[in-house]
Amino acid sequence: LFDALVKIAIQVLNNFDSFFSSIFFLYECNRHLDKNFFLWLKICISIFYFTAIFHIYIYIFRDV
């Protein structure tokens, strides 16, 4: 289980890079539309957390 958590942490850190670059891209696109930017930010964060939790469940139940 510990090995799986380490793999998840490495994968999440790798995903954070593209995650923040996509947020920065959205920020550049919607800089003049603040409400839209915060809406997209919430969507991106919720998608990111959903995929992270999903990966955690996959690793846990795959090892069982």
N, C-alpha and C. Protein backbone atom coordinates (compact mmCIF):
# COMPACT_ATOMS: atom_id res chain seq x y z
N LEU A 1 0.85 -1.21 0.00
CA LEU A 1 0.00 0.00 0.00
C LEU A 1 0.88 1.25 0.00
N PHE A 2 1.98 1.23 0.76
CA PHE A 2 2.87 2.40 0.80
C PHE A 2 3.48 2.68 -0.56
N ASP A 3 3.87 1.60 -1.26
CA ASP A 3 4.42 1.78 -2.62
C ASP A 3 3.39 2.43 -3.53
N ALA A 4 2.15 2.01 -3.38
CA ALA A 4 1.09 2.60 -4.21
C ALA A 4 0.92 4.07 -3.90
N LEU A 5 0.99 4.44 -2.63
CA LEU A 5 0.85 5.85 -2.26
C LEU A 5 2.01 6.67 -2.82
N VAL A 6 3.21 6.09 -2.83
CA VAL A 6 4.35 6.81 -3.41
C VAL A 6 4.14 7.00 -4.90
N LYS A 7 3.65 5.96 -5.59
CA LYS A 7 3.37 6.09 -7.02
C LYS A 7 2.33 7.18 -7.27
N ILE A 8 1.29 7.19 -6.44
CA ILE A 8 0.23 8.20 -6.59
C ILE A 8 0.82 9.59 -6.39
N ALA A 9 1.66 9.75 -5.37
CA ALA A 9 2.24 11.07 -5.10
C ALA A 9 3.08 11.54 -6.29
N ILE A 10 3.87 10.64 -6.87
CA ILE A 10 4.69 11.01 -8.02
C ILE A 10 3.80 11.37 -9.20
N GLN A 11 2.74 10.58 -9.42
CA GLN A 11 1.83 10.86 -10.53
C GLN A 11 1.12 12.19 -10.34
N VAL A 12 0.68 12.46 -9.10
CA VAL A 12 -0.01 13.72 -8.83
C VAL A 12 0.94 14.90 -9.04
N LEU A 13 2.20 14.75 -8.61
CA LEU A 13 3.17 15.83 -8.82
C LEU A 13 3.41 16.05 -10.30
N ASN A 14 3.47 14.98 -11.08
CA ASN A 14 3.64 15.13 -12.53
C ASN A 14 2.43 15.82 -13.15
N ASN A 15 1.24 15.48 -12.65
CA ASN A 15 0.04 16.09 -13.20
C ASN A 15 -0.09 17.55 -12.80
N PHE A 16 0.46 17.91 -11.63
CA PHE A 16 0.36 19.29 -11.16
C PHE A 16 0.98 20.25 -12.17
N ASP A 17 2.07 19.82 -12.81
CA ASP A 17 2.76 20.69 -13.75
C ASP A 17 1.82 21.09 -14.89
N SER A 18 1.23 20.09 -15.54
CA SER A 18 0.32 20.39 -16.64
C SER A 18 -0.95 21.06 -16.12
N PHE A 19 -1.35 20.70 -14.90
CA PHE A 19 -2.55 21.29 -14.31
C PHE A 19 -2.39 22.79 -14.14
N PHE A 20 -1.27 23.21 -13.57
CA PHE A 20 -1.07 24.65 -13.35
C PHE A 20 -0.80 25.39 -14.64
N SER A 21 -0.15 24.74 -15.61
CA SER A 21 0.06 25.42 -16.88
C SER A 21 -1.27 25.62 -17.60
N SER A 22 -2.20 24.66 -17.48
CA SER A 22 -3.50 24.85 -18.10
C SER A 22 -4.28 25.94 -17.37
N ILE A 23 -4.14 26.02 -16.04
CA ILE A 23 -4.80 27.10 -15.29
C ILE A 23 -4.24 28.44 -15.73
N PHE A 24 -2.91 28.51 -15.90
CA PHE A 24 -2.29 29.76 -16.33
C PHE A 24 -2.79 30.14 -17.73
N PHE A 25 -2.92 29.14 -18.60
CA PHE A 25 -3.44 29.39 -19.95
C PHE A 25 -4.86 29.94 -19.89
N LEU A 26 -5.70 29.31 -19.05
CA LEU A 26 -7.07 29.80 -18.89
C LEU A 26 -7.07 31.21 -18.32
N TYR A 27 -6.16 31.47 -17.39
CA TYR A 27 -6.09 32.82 -16.80
C TYR A 27 -5.73 33.85 -17.87
N GLU A 28 -4.78 33.52 -18.73
CA GLU A 28 -4.40 34.44 -19.79
C GLU A 28 -5.57 34.67 -20.75
N CYS A 29 -6.33 33.63 -21.01
CA CYS A 29 -7.46 33.75 -21.94
C CYS A 29 -8.58 34.58 -21.34
N ASN A 30 -8.85 34.38 -20.06
CA ASN A 30 -10.03 34.99 -19.43
C ASN A 30 -9.66 36.11 -18.47
N ARG A 31 -8.51 36.75 -18.70
CA ARG A 31 -8.08 37.77 -17.75
C ARG A 31 -9.08 38.92 -17.69
N HIS A 32 -9.72 39.22 -18.81
CA HIS A 32 -10.68 40.32 -18.82
C HIS A 32 -12.08 39.88 -18.42
N LEU A 33 -12.27 38.58 -18.18
CA LEU A 33 -13.58 38.05 -17.76
C LEU A 33 -13.39 37.33 -16.43
N ASP A 34 -13.42 38.10 -15.34
CA ASP A 34 -13.08 37.51 -14.04
C ASP A 34 -14.02 36.40 -13.63
N LYS A 35 -15.32 36.61 -13.85
CA LYS A 35 -16.28 35.59 -13.41
C LYS A 35 -16.03 34.28 -14.16
N ASN A 36 -15.81 34.37 -15.45
CA ASN A 36 -15.54 33.15 -16.22
C ASN A 36 -14.28 32.46 -15.73
N PHE A 37 -13.25 33.26 -15.42
CA PHE A 37 -12.00 32.65 -14.97
C PHE A 37 -12.21 31.85 -13.69
N PHE A 38 -12.94 32.44 -12.73
CA PHE A 38 -13.14 31.71 -11.48
C PHE A 38 -14.01 30.48 -11.68
N LEU A 39 -14.95 30.57 -12.60
CA LEU A 39 -15.76 29.38 -12.92
C LEU A 39 -14.86 28.29 -13.49
N TRP A 40 -14.00 28.64 -14.45
CA TRP A 40 -13.09 27.65 -15.03
C TRP A 40 -12.13 27.12 -13.98
N LEU A 41 -11.68 27.99 -13.08
CA LEU A 41 -10.76 27.55 -12.03
C LEU A 41 -11.42 26.49 -11.15
N LYS A 42 -12.68 26.74 -10.75
CA LYS A 42 -13.40 25.74 -9.96
C LYS A 42 -13.55 24.43 -10.72
N ILE A 43 -13.88 24.53 -12.01
CA ILE A 43 -14.05 23.32 -12.81
C ILE A 43 -12.73 22.54 -12.88
N CYS A 44 -11.63 23.26 -13.15
CA CYS A 44 -10.34 22.58 -13.26
C CYS A 44 -9.94 21.93 -11.95
N ILE A 45 -10.13 22.64 -10.84
CA ILE A 45 -9.74 22.09 -9.55
C ILE A 45 -10.59 20.86 -9.21
N SER A 46 -11.89 20.93 -9.47
CA SER A 46 -12.74 19.79 -9.17
C SER A 46 -12.38 18.60 -10.05
N ILE A 47 -12.08 18.85 -11.33
CA ILE A 47 -11.67 17.75 -12.21
C ILE A 47 -10.36 17.14 -11.72
N PHE A 48 -9.42 18.00 -11.33
CA PHE A 48 -8.13 17.49 -10.88
C PHE A 48 -8.29 16.63 -9.62
N TYR A 49 -9.06 17.12 -8.64
CA TYR A 49 -9.25 16.34 -7.43
C TYR A 49 -10.00 15.04 -7.71
N PHE A 50 -10.98 15.09 -8.61
CA PHE A 50 -11.71 13.87 -8.95
C PHE A 50 -10.78 12.83 -9.54
N THR A 51 -9.90 13.25 -10.48
CA THR A 51 -9.00 12.29 -11.09
C THR A 51 -7.98 11.78 -10.07
N ALA A 52 -7.53 12.64 -9.17
CA ALA A 52 -6.57 12.19 -8.15
C ALA A 52 -7.20 11.15 -7.24
N ILE A 53 -8.42 11.41 -6.77
CA ILE A 53 -9.12 10.44 -5.92
C ILE A 53 -9.38 9.16 -6.69
N PHE A 54 -9.74 9.30 -7.97
CA PHE A 54 -10.00 8.14 -8.81
C PHE A 54 -8.75 7.27 -8.93
N HIS A 55 -7.57 7.90 -9.14
CA HIS A 55 -6.32 7.15 -9.22
C HIS A 55 -6.03 6.46 -7.90
N ILE A 56 -6.30 7.12 -6.78
CA ILE A 56 -6.05 6.51 -5.47
C ILE A 56 -6.90 5.25 -5.32
N TYR A 57 -8.19 5.34 -5.68
CA TYR A 57 -9.05 4.16 -5.57
C TYR A 57 -8.58 3.05 -6.48
N ILE A 58 -8.14 3.39 -7.69
CA ILE A 58 -7.65 2.36 -8.61
C ILE A 58 -6.45 1.64 -8.00
N TYR A 59 -5.48 2.41 -7.46
CA TYR A 59 -4.30 1.76 -6.89
C TYR A 59 -4.66 0.91 -5.69
N ILE A 60 -5.54 1.41 -4.82
CA ILE A 60 -5.87 0.67 -3.61
C ILE A 60 -6.57 -0.65 -3.97
N PHE A 61 -7.59 -0.58 -4.84
CA PHE A 61 -8.36 -1.79 -5.13
C PHE A 61 -7.65 -2.72 -6.08
N ARG A 62 -6.66 -2.21 -6.82
CA ARG A 62 -5.90 -3.10 -7.68
C ARG A 62 -4.99 -3.99 -6.84
N ASP A 63 -4.46 -3.45 -5.73
CA ASP A 63 -3.54 -4.23 -4.90
C ASP A 63 -4.27 -5.23 -4.02
N VAL A 64 -5.55 -4.98 -3.74
CA VAL A 64 -6.30 -5.87 -2.85
C VAL A 64 -6.54 -7.20 -3.54
